[in-house]
Amino acid sequence: MSTFLLIILILLILGAIPAWPHSRSWGYAPSGLLSVLLIVMIVLLLTGRV
């Protein structure tokens, strides 16, 4: 289950990269937020809480 969540978070980060013209004005907010979630998930996996 935790590996599945990690894969989903990685895919969300790749999808949040501002590559389309309408999303360039968003800056790094979407990918930054998802990166923080990914880091939290990795820390939880390493500590064994997930």
Protein backbone atom coordinates (compact mmCIF):
# COMPACT_ATOMS: atom_id res chain seq x y z
CA MET A 1 0.00 0.00 0.00
CA SER A 2 2.76 2.45 0.86
CA THR A 3 4.60 1.71 -2.39
CA PHE A 4 1.38 2.41 -4.26
CA LEU A 5 1.03 5.79 -2.50
CA LEU A 6 4.63 6.64 -3.29
CA ILE A 7 4.12 5.88 -6.99
CA ILE A 8 0.95 8.00 -7.05
CA LEU A 9 2.79 10.94 -5.46
CA ILE A 10 5.63 10.69 -7.98
CA LEU A 11 3.13 10.70 -10.85
CA LEU A 12 1.37 13.73 -9.36
CA ILE A 13 4.66 15.60 -9.13
CA LEU A 14 5.44 14.86 -12.76
CA GLY A 15 1.94 16.00 -13.75
CA ALA A 16 2.25 19.24 -11.79
CA ILE A 17 5.30 20.49 -13.67
CA PRO A 18 4.25 23.76 -15.34
CA ALA A 19 4.75 22.70 -18.97
CA TRP A 20 1.58 23.99 -20.62
CA PRO A 21 1.10 27.69 -21.51
CA HIS A 22 -1.93 28.14 -19.23
CA SER A 23 -0.07 26.74 -16.22
CA ARG A 24 3.18 28.70 -16.55
CA SER A 25 1.79 31.53 -14.43
CA TRP A 26 1.23 29.14 -11.52
CA GLY A 27 4.94 29.05 -10.80
CA TYR A 28 6.24 26.22 -8.64
CA ALA A 29 3.28 26.08 -6.26
CA PRO A 30 1.70 22.82 -7.52
CA SER A 31 4.95 20.89 -7.85
CA GLY A 32 6.32 22.42 -4.64
CA LEU A 33 3.32 21.29 -2.63
CA LEU A 34 3.49 17.81 -4.08
CA SER A 35 7.24 17.67 -3.44
CA VAL A 36 6.62 18.41 0.22
CA LEU A 37 4.05 15.61 0.32
CA LEU A 38 6.55 13.26 -1.30
CA ILE A 39 9.23 14.14 1.25
CA VAL A 40 6.80 13.56 4.12
CA MET A 41 5.82 10.21 2.61
CA ILE A 42 9.45 9.15 2.25
CA VAL A 43 10.21 10.12 5.86
CA LEU A 44 7.19 8.15 7.06
CA LEU A 45 8.29 5.13 5.01
CA LEU A 46 11.81 5.29 6.42
CA THR A 47 10.58 5.52 10.00
CA GLY A 48 8.14 2.66 9.45
CA ARG A 49 4.97 4.55 10.33
CA VAL A 50 3.19 3.82 7.05
